[in-house]
């Protein structure tokens, strides 16, 4: 690993470092945008967080997490639920989540106008089918507004 980390041919330049900095700031703003990203108890996590794309039929390199504000007391005055998708693969991914079919979701406003990751704006959600399409190496967050 040391040989890889010290290879001058892959040393990031200013543009790559600054882009990573902007991306990290976007992620922090998204985290602050909803108390659903900051659940306080293990019980809240058990009640509100659900993972999709699990089991023997799962697609590799894709994590799908939903956080709901439909159970217990309302924590977020603006969002009913949030779906976060992490595609770490080199190819685009598509996944159907029947639980979200017919539920209107939109790409998080911070990601819609992100300078750090313009590719994320290519993420798509088809409401009638609950189908999400995510570009390669992208984290997308979709929000169901109240």
C-alpha atoms as a PDB file:
ATOM      1  CA  UNK A   1       0.000   0.000   0.000  1.00  0.00           C
ATOM      2  CA  UNK A   2       2.874   2.373   0.791  1.00  0.00           C
ATOM      3  CA  UNK A   3       4.194   2.081  -2.768  1.00  0.00           C
ATOM      4  CA  UNK A   4       0.750   3.012  -4.093  1.00  0.00           C
ATOM      5  CA  UNK A   5       0.311   5.940  -1.700  1.00  0.00           C
ATOM      6  CA  UNK A   6       3.727   7.439  -2.500  1.00  0.00           C
ATOM      7  CA  UNK A   7       3.477   7.104  -6.290  1.00  0.00           C
ATOM      8  CA  UNK A   8       3.944  10.678  -7.630  1.00  0.00           C
ATOM      9  CA  UNK A   9       2.070   9.785 -10.820  1.00  0.00           C
ATOM     10  CA  UNK A  10      -1.196   9.600  -8.883  1.00  0.00           C
ATOM     11  CA  UNK A  11      -0.654  12.528  -6.534  1.00  0.00           C
ATOM     12  CA  UNK A  12      -3.810  14.674  -6.595  1.00  0.00           C
ATOM     13  CA  UNK A  13      -3.485  18.230  -7.808  1.00  0.00           C
ATOM     14  CA  UNK A  14      -5.141  21.359  -6.485  1.00  0.00           C
ATOM     15  CA  UNK A  15      -8.313  20.899  -8.558  1.00  0.00           C
ATOM     16  CA  UNK A  16      -8.901  17.363  -7.240  1.00  0.00           C
ATOM     17  CA  UNK A  17      -8.234  18.397  -3.646  1.00  0.00           C
ATOM     18  CA  UNK A  18     -10.490  21.443  -3.880  1.00  0.00           C
ATOM     19  CA  UNK A  19     -13.250  19.399  -5.520  1.00  0.00           C
ATOM     20  CA  UNK A  20     -13.062  16.850  -2.685  1.00  0.00           C
ATOM     21  CA  UNK A  21     -13.271  19.722  -0.185  1.00  0.00           C
ATOM     22  CA  UNK A  22     -16.406  21.123  -1.872  1.00  0.00           C
ATOM     23  CA  UNK A  23     -17.962  17.652  -2.023  1.00  0.00           C
ATOM     24  CA  UNK A  24     -17.336  17.104   1.695  1.00  0.00           C
ATOM     25  CA  UNK A  25     -18.988  20.448   2.446  1.00  0.00           C
ATOM     26  CA  UNK A  26     -22.024  19.379   0.385  1.00  0.00           C
ATOM     27  CA  UNK A  27     -22.283  16.180   2.425  1.00  0.00           C
ATOM     28  CA  UNK A  28     -22.082  18.125   5.691  1.00  0.00           C
ATOM     29  CA  UNK A  29     -24.849  20.487   4.519  1.00  0.00           C
ATOM     30  CA  UNK A  30     -27.015  17.517   3.577  1.00  0.00           C
ATOM     31  CA  UNK A  31     -26.430  15.953   7.000  1.00  0.00           C
ATOM     32  CA  UNK A  32     -27.450  19.215   8.701  1.00  0.00           C
ATOM     33  CA  UNK A  33     -30.527  19.560   6.488  1.00  0.00           C
ATOM     34  CA  UNK A  34     -32.554  16.944   8.341  1.00  0.00           C
ATOM     35  CA  UNK A  35     -32.662  15.550  11.864  1.00  0.00           C
ATOM     36  CA  UNK A  36     -33.325  12.174  10.228  1.00  0.00           C
ATOM     37  CA  UNK A  37     -29.596  11.999   9.483  1.00  0.00           C
ATOM     38  CA  UNK A  38     -28.876  12.461  13.189  1.00  0.00           C
ATOM     39  CA  UNK A  39     -31.102   9.937  14.956  1.00  0.00           C
ATOM     40  CA  UNK A  40     -30.457   9.978  18.691  1.00  0.00           C
ATOM     41  CA  UNK A  41     -31.234   6.443  19.858  1.00  0.00           C
ATOM     42  CA  UNK A  42     -30.768   2.897  18.706  1.00  0.00           C
ATOM     43  CA  UNK A  43     -34.524   2.442  18.910  1.00  0.00           C
ATOM     44  CA  UNK A  44     -35.016   5.344  16.478  1.00  0.00           C
ATOM     45  CA  UNK A  45     -32.591   3.696  14.076  1.00  0.00           C
ATOM     46  CA  UNK A  46     -34.407   0.351  14.342  1.00  0.00           C
ATOM     47  CA  UNK A  47     -37.809   1.987  13.732  1.00  0.00           C
ATOM     48  CA  UNK A  48     -36.856   4.458  11.012  1.00  0.00           C
ATOM     49  CA  UNK A  49     -33.951   3.080   8.954  1.00  0.00           C
ATOM     50  CA  UNK A  50     -34.373   0.377   6.341  1.00  0.00           C
ATOM     51  CA  UNK A  51     -31.826  -1.002   3.901  1.00  0.00           C
ATOM     52  CA  UNK A  52     -32.788  -2.165   0.435  1.00  0.00           C
ATOM     53  CA  UNK A  53     -30.727  -4.128  -2.083  1.00  0.00           C
ATOM     54  CA  UNK A  54     -30.003  -6.853   0.444  1.00  0.00           C
ATOM     55  CA  UNK A  55     -30.021 -10.629   0.261  1.00  0.00           C
ATOM     56  CA  UNK A  56     -28.960 -13.113  -2.389  1.00  0.00           C
ATOM     57  CA  UNK A  57     -30.330 -11.045  -5.297  1.00  0.00           C
ATOM     58  CA  UNK A  58     -28.582  -7.813  -4.315  1.00  0.00           C
ATOM     59  CA  UNK A  59     -26.634  -5.796  -6.839  1.00  0.00           C
ATOM     60  CA  UNK A  60     -22.965  -5.517  -5.908  1.00  0.00           C
ATOM     61  CA  UNK A  61     -21.487  -2.105  -5.089  1.00  0.00           C
ATOM     62  CA  UNK A  62     -24.868  -0.477  -4.337  1.00  0.00           C
ATOM     63  CA  UNK A  63     -26.084   0.512  -0.869  1.00  0.00           C
ATOM     64  CA  UNK A  64     -29.638   1.818  -0.525  1.00  0.00           C
ATOM     65  CA  UNK A  65     -30.844   3.251   2.771  1.00  0.00           C
ATOM     66  CA  UNK A  66     -34.206   4.836   3.557  1.00  0.00           C
ATOM     67  CA  UNK A  67     -34.946   6.899   6.662  1.00  0.00           C
ATOM     68  CA  UNK A  68     -38.594   7.398   7.500  1.00  0.00           C
ATOM     69  CA  UNK A  69     -40.318  10.067   9.551  1.00  0.00           C
ATOM     70  CA  UNK A  70     -43.643   8.244   9.368  1.00  0.00           C
ATOM     71  CA  UNK A  71     -43.300   6.323  12.647  1.00  0.00           C
ATOM     72  CA  UNK A  72     -43.242   7.737  16.138  1.00  0.00           C
ATOM     73  CA  UNK A  73     -43.153  11.465  16.673  1.00  0.00           C
ATOM     74  CA  UNK A  74     -42.228  13.636  13.715  1.00  0.00           C
ATOM     75  CA  UNK A  75     -38.581  14.681  13.788  1.00  0.00           C
ATOM     76  CA  UNK A  76     -38.332  16.638  10.548  1.00  0.00           C
ATOM     77  CA  UNK A  77     -40.811  19.408   9.734  1.00  0.00           C
ATOM     78  CA  UNK A  78     -39.850  19.360   6.039  1.00  0.00           C
ATOM     79  CA  UNK A  79     -39.252  15.713   5.084  1.00  0.00           C
ATOM     80  CA  UNK A  80     -41.406  12.602   5.375  1.00  0.00           C
ATOM     81  CA  UNK A  81     -38.606  10.307   4.255  1.00  0.00           C
ATOM     82  CA  UNK A  82     -35.148  10.261   2.709  1.00  0.00           C
ATOM     83  CA  UNK A  83     -33.587   7.683   0.392  1.00  0.00           C
ATOM     84  CA  UNK A  84     -29.793   7.637   0.095  1.00  0.00           C
ATOM     85  CA  UNK A  85     -28.109   5.571  -2.611  1.00  0.00           C
ATOM     86  CA  UNK A  86     -24.376   4.880  -2.756  1.00  0.00           C
ATOM     87  CA  UNK A  87     -23.149   3.521  -6.088  1.00  0.00           C
ATOM     88  CA  UNK A  88     -19.448   2.751  -5.744  1.00  0.00           C
ATOM     89  CA  UNK A  89     -19.276   0.822  -8.996  1.00  0.00           C
ATOM     90  CA  UNK A  90     -17.783   2.008 -12.305  1.00  0.00           C
ATOM     91  CA  UNK A  91     -21.131   1.485 -14.022  1.00  0.00           C
ATOM     92  CA  UNK A  92     -24.561   3.077 -13.510  1.00  0.00           C
ATOM     93  CA  UNK A  93     -27.056   1.251 -11.318  1.00  0.00           C
ATOM     94  CA  UNK A  94     -30.824   1.008 -11.387  1.00  0.00           C
ATOM     95  CA  UNK A  95     -33.008  -0.371  -8.627  1.00  0.00           C
ATOM     96  CA  UNK A  96     -36.743  -0.721  -8.134  1.00  0.00           C
ATOM     97  CA  UNK A  97     -38.031  -0.078  -4.637  1.00  0.00           C
ATOM     98  CA  UNK A  98     -41.727  -0.985  -4.627  1.00  0.00           C
ATOM     99  CA  UNK A  99     -42.187   0.620  -1.177  1.00  0.00           C
ATOM    100  CA  UNK A 100     -41.610   3.995  -2.871  1.00  0.00           C
ATOM    101  CA  UNK A 101     -43.724   3.468  -5.997  1.00  0.00           C
ATOM    102  CA  UNK A 102     -46.133   6.385  -6.265  1.00  0.00           C
ATOM    103  CA  UNK A 103     -44.367   8.431  -3.582  1.00  0.00           C
ATOM    104  CA  UNK A 104     -43.013  11.719  -4.961  1.00  0.00           C
ATOM    105  CA  UNK A 105     -39.302  12.172  -4.265  1.00  0.00           C
ATOM    106  CA  UNK A 106     -36.854  14.739  -5.544  1.00  0.00           C
ATOM    107  CA  UNK A 107     -33.093  14.940  -5.589  1.00  0.00           C
ATOM    108  CA  UNK A 108     -31.878  16.800  -2.513  1.00  0.00           C
ATOM    109  CA  UNK A 109     -31.652  20.549  -3.308  1.00  0.00           C
ATOM    110  CA  UNK A 110     -27.986  20.695  -2.322  1.00  0.00           C
ATOM    111  CA  UNK A 111     -27.173  17.960  -4.846  1.00  0.00           C
ATOM    112  CA  UNK A 112     -29.302  19.548  -7.573  1.00  0.00           C
ATOM    113  CA  UNK A 113     -27.009  22.579  -7.521  1.00  0.00           C
ATOM    114  CA  UNK A 114     -23.741  20.878  -6.540  1.00  0.00           C
ATOM    115  CA  UNK A 115     -20.585  22.309  -8.093  1.00  0.00           C
ATOM    116  CA  UNK A 116     -18.485  19.590  -6.500  1.00  0.00           C
ATOM    117  CA  UNK A 117     -20.350  16.694  -8.125  1.00  0.00           C
ATOM    118  CA  UNK A 118     -22.204  17.716 -11.293  1.00  0.00           C
ATOM    119  CA  UNK A 119     -22.672  14.028 -12.203  1.00  0.00           C
ATOM    120  CA  UNK A 120     -25.113  13.521  -9.299  1.00  0.00           C
ATOM    121  CA  UNK A 121     -27.675  15.666 -11.138  1.00  0.00           C
ATOM    122  CA  UNK A 122     -27.976  12.773 -13.619  1.00  0.00           C
ATOM    123  CA  UNK A 123     -29.548  10.669 -10.867  1.00  0.00           C
ATOM    124  CA  UNK A 124     -33.166   9.952 -11.601  1.00  0.00           C
ATOM    125  CA  UNK A 125     -36.240   8.693  -9.792  1.00  0.00           C
ATOM    126  CA  UNK A 126     -39.362   7.407 -11.563  1.00  0.00           C
ATOM    127  CA  UNK A 127     -42.261   7.929  -9.172  1.00  0.00           C
ATOM    128  CA  UNK A 128     -44.806   5.537 -10.753  1.00  0.00           C
ATOM    129  CA  UNK A 129     -42.479   2.527 -10.436  1.00  0.00           C
ATOM    130  CA  UNK A 130     -40.209   3.533  -7.539  1.00  0.00           C
ATOM    131  CA  UNK A 131     -37.189   3.115  -9.806  1.00  0.00           C
ATOM    132  CA  UNK A 132     -33.933   4.885  -9.001  1.00  0.00           C
ATOM    133  CA  UNK A 133     -31.111   5.341 -11.538  1.00  0.00           C
ATOM    134  CA  UNK A 134     -27.710   6.352 -10.193  1.00  0.00           C
ATOM    135  CA  UNK A 135     -24.574   7.219 -12.191  1.00  0.00           C
ATOM    136  CA  UNK A 136     -21.285   5.451 -11.433  1.00  0.00           C
ATOM    137  CA  UNK A 137     -19.379   6.388  -8.274  1.00  0.00           C
ATOM    138  CA  UNK A 138     -22.169   8.630  -7.054  1.00  0.00           C
ATOM    139  CA  UNK A 139     -23.995   9.237  -3.805  1.00  0.00           C
ATOM    140  CA  UNK A 140     -27.535  10.473  -4.392  1.00  0.00           C
ATOM    141  CA  UNK A 141     -30.048  11.567  -1.777  1.00  0.00           C
ATOM    142  CA  UNK A 142     -33.743  11.833  -2.599  1.00  0.00           C
ATOM    143  CA  UNK A 143     -36.256  13.536  -0.324  1.00  0.00           C
ATOM    144  CA  UNK A 144     -39.994  13.123   0.123  1.00  0.00           C
ATOM    145  CA  UNK A 145     -41.198  16.560   1.171  1.00  0.00           C
ATOM    146  CA  UNK A 146     -44.092  17.155   3.554  1.00  0.00           C
END
